[in-house]
Protein backbone atom coordinates (compact mmCIF):
# COMPACT_ATOMS: atom_id res chain seq x y z
CA MET A 1 187.21 153.32 59.07
CA THR A 2 187.78 150.45 60.99
CA ILE A 3 185.91 147.62 62.90
CA SER A 4 188.05 146.48 65.87
CA ILE A 5 187.03 143.15 67.57
CA ILE A 6 187.92 143.32 71.36
CA CYS A 7 187.73 140.36 73.34
CA THR A 8 189.50 137.94 75.35
CA ASN A 9 187.84 134.64 75.83
CA LYS A 10 187.06 134.09 72.06
CA ASP A 11 188.82 133.09 69.20
CA PRO A 12 188.41 136.39 66.89
CA LYS A 13 189.55 135.01 63.86
CA PRO A 14 186.29 133.49 63.09
CA TRP A 15 184.73 136.48 63.58
CA VAL A 16 187.17 138.05 60.79
CA ALA A 17 186.33 135.97 58.60
CA ALA A 18 182.93 135.74 58.71
CA LEU A 19 182.62 139.58 58.17
CA ARG A 20 185.07 139.67 55.23
CA ALA A 21 183.23 136.86 53.82
CA LEU A 22 180.58 139.38 53.19
CA ASP A 23 182.19 142.56 51.87
CA PRO A 24 185.96 141.66 51.45
CA THR A 25 186.82 145.35 51.38
CA LEU A 26 186.12 145.75 55.27
CA ASP A 27 189.01 146.97 57.53
CA VAL A 28 188.56 144.76 60.67
CA GLN A 29 191.26 144.21 62.79
CA ILE A 30 192.15 142.43 66.18
CA TRP A 31 192.99 144.45 69.46
CA PRO A 32 195.45 145.23 70.91
CA ASN A 33 196.70 144.90 67.95
CA GLU A 34 195.04 147.86 65.10
CA SER A 35 197.14 149.75 62.92
CA ARG A 36 196.06 153.14 64.30
CA LYS A 37 193.19 153.14 67.32
CA ALA A 38 192.50 156.27 65.75
CA ASP A 39 191.03 154.77 62.59
CA VAL A 40 188.33 152.18 65.00
CA GLU A 41 184.80 153.46 65.33
CA PHE A 42 183.36 150.74 65.83
CA ALA A 43 184.05 148.04 68.04
CA LEU A 44 183.16 144.19 68.96
CA CYS A 45 183.70 143.46 72.31
CA TRP A 46 183.30 140.45 74.89
CA ASN A 47 185.08 140.71 78.12
CA HIS A 48 186.85 143.41 77.08
CA PRO A 49 190.21 144.96 79.76
CA GLU A 50 188.90 147.07 81.65
CA GLY A 51 189.01 150.72 80.38
CA VAL A 52 190.60 149.72 76.93
CA LEU A 53 187.53 151.57 75.00
CA ARG A 54 189.27 154.76 76.01
CA ASP A 55 192.33 153.84 73.67
CA TYR A 56 190.11 154.43 70.85
CA PRO A 57 188.92 158.23 70.56
CA ASN A 58 186.69 158.13 67.68
CA LEU A 59 184.46 155.20 68.58
CA ARG A 60 180.93 155.87 67.77
CA CYS A 61 178.99 152.78 68.15
CA ILE A 62 179.87 149.03 70.84
CA CYS A 63 178.24 145.70 69.83
CA SER A 64 178.20 143.13 72.20
CA MET A 65 179.29 139.66 70.68
CA GLY A 66 176.26 137.82 72.47
CA ALA A 67 172.85 138.83 73.54
CA GLY A 68 174.07 140.00 77.14
CA ILE A 69 176.06 143.61 77.68
CA ASP A 70 176.51 143.63 81.27
CA HIS A 71 180.54 142.47 80.31
CA LEU A 72 180.27 145.80 78.89
CA LEU A 73 178.84 147.27 82.04
CA ASN A 74 181.39 145.81 84.33
CA ASP A 75 183.58 148.05 83.03
CA GLU A 76 183.66 151.72 85.47
CA PHE A 77 185.29 153.54 82.51
CA PHE A 78 182.40 152.31 80.09
CA PRO A 79 181.23 155.18 77.28
CA LYS A 80 177.53 154.87 78.02
CA ASP A 81 177.32 157.96 76.00
CA LEU A 82 178.16 156.11 72.86
CA PRO A 83 175.15 153.69 71.24
CA VAL A 84 175.61 149.88 72.41
CA ILE A 85 173.88 147.01 70.30
CA ARG A 86 173.61 143.19 70.76
CA ILE A 87 173.12 140.54 69.26
CA ILE A 88 169.54 138.91 68.20
CA ASP A 89 169.56 135.78 66.62
CA PRO A 90 166.83 133.02 66.27
CA LEU A 91 170.20 130.12 65.94
CA LEU A 92 170.91 131.28 69.45
CA ALA A 93 167.51 131.10 70.78
CA GLN A 94 166.95 127.88 69.33
CA SER A 95 170.20 126.69 70.79
CA MET A 96 169.05 128.30 74.00
CA TYR A 97 165.61 126.21 73.98
CA GLU A 98 167.10 123.32 73.21
CA TYR A 99 169.58 123.19 76.26
CA LEU A 100 166.84 124.40 78.13
CA HIS A 101 164.59 121.44 76.80
CA THR A 102 167.13 118.97 77.71
CA ALA A 103 167.26 120.52 81.90
CA VAL A 104 163.45 120.48 81.88
CA MET A 105 163.11 116.84 80.85
CA TYR A 106 165.95 115.31 82.71
CA TYR A 107 164.11 117.03 85.84
CA PHE A 108 160.35 116.51 84.36
CA ARG A 109 160.95 112.32 83.35
CA ASP A 110 162.80 112.62 87.33
CA PHE A 111 166.50 111.39 85.69
CA ASP A 112 168.33 112.94 88.36
CA ILE A 113 166.56 110.89 90.85
CA TYR A 114 167.16 107.43 88.65
CA LYS A 115 170.99 108.35 88.23
CA ALA A 116 170.97 108.62 92.26
CA GLN A 117 169.41 105.06 92.19
CA GLN A 118 171.77 103.70 89.80
CA TYR A 119 174.53 104.31 92.50
CA GLN A 120 172.71 102.74 95.51
CA SER A 121 171.87 99.85 92.95
CA ASN A 122 167.84 100.85 93.80
CA TRP A 123 165.49 99.57 91.22
CA LYS A 124 162.65 101.59 92.06
CA GLN A 125 160.22 102.87 89.34
CA GLN A 126 159.22 106.75 90.38
CA SER A 127 155.59 108.22 89.89
CA PRO A 128 154.97 110.30 86.29
CA LYS A 129 153.89 113.44 86.89
CA ALA A 130 151.51 114.83 83.63
CA ILE A 131 153.12 117.35 81.39
CA ALA A 132 150.38 119.69 81.79
CA HIS A 133 150.29 119.74 85.76
CA THR A 134 153.92 120.70 85.66
CA THR A 135 154.75 124.39 85.72
CA ILE A 136 158.03 126.02 84.11
CA GLY A 137 158.33 129.48 85.73
CA VAL A 138 160.66 131.60 83.22
CA MET A 139 162.28 134.70 84.74
CA GLY A 140 163.37 137.10 82.12
CA LEU A 141 160.50 137.37 78.71
CA GLY A 142 163.09 138.96 76.68
CA LYS A 143 164.41 137.81 73.34
CA LEU A 144 165.23 134.36 74.42
CA GLY A 145 162.90 133.80 77.48
CA GLU A 146 160.00 134.67 75.32
CA TYR A 147 161.00 132.15 72.64
CA SER A 148 161.36 129.12 75.27
CA ALA A 149 158.37 130.26 77.57
CA SER A 150 156.63 130.21 74.19
CA LYS A 151 157.97 126.80 72.77
CA PHE A 152 157.65 125.00 76.44
CA SER A 153 153.86 126.18 76.65
CA LYS A 154 152.94 124.16 72.95
CA ILE A 155 154.17 120.95 74.37
CA GLY A 156 151.74 120.93 77.06
CA PHE A 157 153.94 122.08 80.22
CA ASN A 158 152.05 124.82 82.05
CA VAL A 159 154.08 128.05 81.52
CA ILE A 160 154.37 131.03 83.55
CA GLY A 161 156.51 133.71 83.47
CA TRP A 162 158.11 137.15 85.71
CA SER A 163 159.69 140.23 84.16
CA ARG A 164 160.30 143.93 84.78
CA THR A 165 156.87 144.84 82.90
CA GLN A 166 153.72 142.69 82.15
CA LYS A 167 154.28 140.66 79.07
CA THR A 168 151.30 139.25 76.41
CA ILE A 169 152.71 135.77 75.02
CA THR A 170 150.31 133.32 73.64
CA GLY A 171 150.08 130.30 76.34
CA VAL A 172 152.23 131.97 79.14
CA LYS A 173 150.48 133.91 82.12
CA SER A 174 152.77 136.94 82.72
CA TYR A 175 153.45 138.60 86.56
CA ALA A 176 155.77 141.66 86.74
CA SER A 177 157.16 143.65 89.33
CA ASP A 178 158.34 142.81 92.79
CA ARG A 179 154.88 143.02 94.22
CA GLN A 180 154.38 139.85 91.94
CA LEU A 181 157.35 137.55 92.13
CA GLY A 182 156.26 135.54 95.32
CA GLU A 183 152.73 134.83 93.53
CA PHE A 184 154.96 133.87 90.81
CA LEU A 185 157.39 131.94 92.50
CA SER A 186 154.65 129.79 94.74
CA GLN A 187 153.37 128.02 91.25
CA VAL A 188 156.78 127.05 89.82
CA ASP A 189 158.05 123.13 89.64
CA ILE A 190 161.11 124.43 87.91
CA LEU A 191 162.67 127.39 87.70
CA ILE A 192 164.53 128.85 84.37
CA CYS A 193 166.32 132.00 85.20
CA LEU A 194 167.14 133.86 81.54
CA LEU A 195 166.60 137.56 83.54
CA PRO A 196 169.60 140.46 82.38
CA LEU A 197 172.42 141.19 85.13
CA THR A 198 171.17 144.79 86.34
CA ASN A 199 171.11 146.00 89.73
CA GLU A 200 168.08 144.87 90.22
CA THR A 201 168.51 141.16 89.60
CA ARG A 202 171.59 141.09 91.20
CA GLY A 203 171.60 137.84 93.42
CA ILE A 204 167.90 137.48 93.14
CA LEU A 205 167.92 133.99 93.20
CA ASN A 206 168.29 133.86 97.44
CA LEU A 207 167.13 131.61 99.79
CA GLU A 208 164.68 133.88 100.53
CA ASN A 209 163.06 133.85 96.77
CA ILE A 210 163.92 130.35 96.51
CA ASN A 211 162.20 129.45 99.55
CA LYS A 212 158.62 130.59 98.20
CA LEU A 213 158.96 128.15 95.63
CA PRO A 214 157.45 124.58 96.20
CA PHE A 215 159.21 122.33 98.45
CA GLY A 216 161.47 120.16 95.87
CA ALA A 217 161.42 122.53 93.01
CA CYS A 218 164.58 122.80 90.86
CA LEU A 219 166.26 125.37 89.07
CA VAL A 220 167.94 126.04 85.54
CA ASN A 221 170.18 129.31 85.77
CA VAL A 222 171.28 130.15 82.13
CA ALA A 223 171.42 134.05 82.78
CA ARG A 224 174.47 135.19 85.12
CA GLY A 225 175.69 133.76 87.75
CA GLU A 226 175.58 136.88 89.60
CA HIS A 227 171.96 136.09 90.05
CA LEU A 228 172.81 132.86 92.00
CA ILE A 229 174.24 133.00 95.77
CA ASP A 230 176.25 130.47 95.49
CA GLU A 231 175.96 129.34 99.81
CA ASP A 232 172.45 129.64 99.41
CA LEU A 233 172.13 127.29 96.12
CA ILE A 234 174.01 124.54 98.56
CA THR A 235 171.76 125.41 101.33
CA ALA A 236 168.48 125.01 99.96
CA LEU A 237 169.81 121.62 98.14
CA ASN A 238 170.80 120.11 101.59
CA GLU A 239 167.48 120.97 103.09
CA GLY A 240 165.59 119.46 100.02
CA GLN A 241 164.11 122.65 99.46
CA LEU A 242 164.64 122.29 96.18
CA ARG A 243 166.00 118.96 94.49
CA GLY A 244 168.36 119.64 92.13
CA ALA A 245 169.71 122.47 89.87
CA CYS A 246 171.31 123.32 86.06
CA LEU A 247 173.51 125.41 86.08
CA ASP A 248 175.59 126.77 83.16
CA VAL A 249 176.77 129.90 84.55
CA PHE A 250 178.93 131.12 87.21
CA ARG A 251 180.12 134.04 88.95
CA GLU A 252 183.73 132.82 88.28
CA GLU A 253 184.63 131.39 84.83
CA PRO A 254 186.17 129.02 84.71
CA LEU A 255 185.03 126.90 87.50
CA SER A 256 187.54 126.99 90.63
CA GLN A 257 188.31 123.53 90.57
CA MET A 258 187.93 124.13 94.31
CA HIS A 259 184.58 125.10 94.53
CA PRO A 260 181.61 122.75 95.98
CA PHE A 261 179.84 123.05 93.45
CA TRP A 262 181.63 120.34 91.33
CA GLN A 263 181.52 117.87 93.88
CA ASN A 264 177.44 118.20 94.47
CA ASN A 265 175.13 115.25 93.37
CA LYS A 266 172.06 117.90 92.88
CA ILE A 267 174.05 120.15 90.73
CA LEU A 268 174.69 119.56 86.90
CA LEU A 269 176.89 121.76 85.65
CA THR A 270 178.01 122.68 81.96
CA PRO A 271 180.88 125.02 81.12
CA HIS A 272 178.39 128.33 80.24
CA CYS A 273 177.33 126.38 76.78
CA SER A 274 173.49 126.59 76.40
CA SER A 275 173.57 128.99 73.51
CA ILE A 276 176.69 129.98 71.51
CA THR A 277 176.98 132.72 69.35
CA ASP A 278 177.80 131.22 65.47
CA PRO A 279 179.83 134.19 63.99
CA ASN A 280 178.28 133.24 60.60
CA SER A 281 174.95 133.52 61.60
CA VAL A 282 175.02 137.28 63.30
CA ALA A 283 178.08 138.72 60.75
CA PRO A 284 175.41 140.14 58.48
CA GLN A 285 173.15 141.94 61.42
CA ILE A 286 176.94 143.13 62.77
CA LEU A 287 177.32 144.34 59.10
CA LYS A 288 173.70 145.66 58.63
CA ASN A 289 174.75 148.25 61.67
CA TYR A 290 178.29 149.40 61.07
CA ARG A 291 176.70 150.57 57.52
CA LEU A 292 173.62 152.19 59.43
CA MET A 293 175.76 153.69 61.24
CA LYS A 294 178.36 154.85 58.44
CA SER A 295 174.83 156.71 57.18
CA GLY A 296 173.58 157.92 60.28
CA ARG A 297 170.48 155.81 60.41
CA ALA A 298 169.08 154.29 63.42
CA LEU A 299 170.51 151.39 64.64
CA MET A 300 169.34 147.64 65.22
CA ASN A 301 168.78 146.30 68.59
CA GLN A 302 170.41 149.17 70.86
CA VAL A 303 169.99 148.85 74.29
CA ASP A 304 169.79 151.11 76.81
CA PRO A 305 173.48 150.96 79.09
CA PHE A 306 171.50 152.28 82.10
CA ARG A 307 168.76 149.91 82.30
CA GLY A 308 171.48 146.72 81.39
CA TYR A 309 169.07 145.60 78.10
């Protein structure tokens, strides 16, 4: 029985090493050089080539190498009849919060404004806003969203969240469904997108929804580039509806050197680094799921490929 690591934009070698460090007897191989594809029953995937999973006739389980599974579902030939699992890791959640905390404080303490003033040689203090009077809105209250929302609440921000279904999170007021989206957005000073990418959420960061935010709000997108309509963001920034945007994810990655985002001084770009999976941290749960699969028992962190999360 073979584990195959199928990825196009990650180095698979640390993943092989992390798994073999836990169990040296594991047969872990790397796509596309497996000795026998018929022996592969467990696949670790990230941005796999479309249709490649059809090459494994005895595949029994597919594991995403990160928290999201949209990269799997983008494959027209993805076998949705197979169990799909994802990574849930405390280090991922903490890393995401650290990134978001940095982005939020950048806007909360007006660093974007001071940076613009610096280029104008303009010495001017901004009037600080109380942390308790600043509302952070988190779109997507899954494991990562819930963790960050709770942490922001604990340091004094007013935190509200929006998701498909109502959530109960201490210190966070929850909104749900399309009916409550407008009410949610109308209160938000700093909007964080942590939504899964589904047919329902694709393009949700559009001008219609951005215009429901208070004038001069800020946006932080760490979910997927496809949530955002790029042209609408530029319009909102030019009109002042959005004061600034911090973007870690993009429709095309790496971002084209010709993309207008690069030259927009109201946009802060980072190269999809908000939360990076550590193979050594997640190898134990991958190995446990592999053994659960072998024994026919229920898997951990299983997701519904039809819902997309």
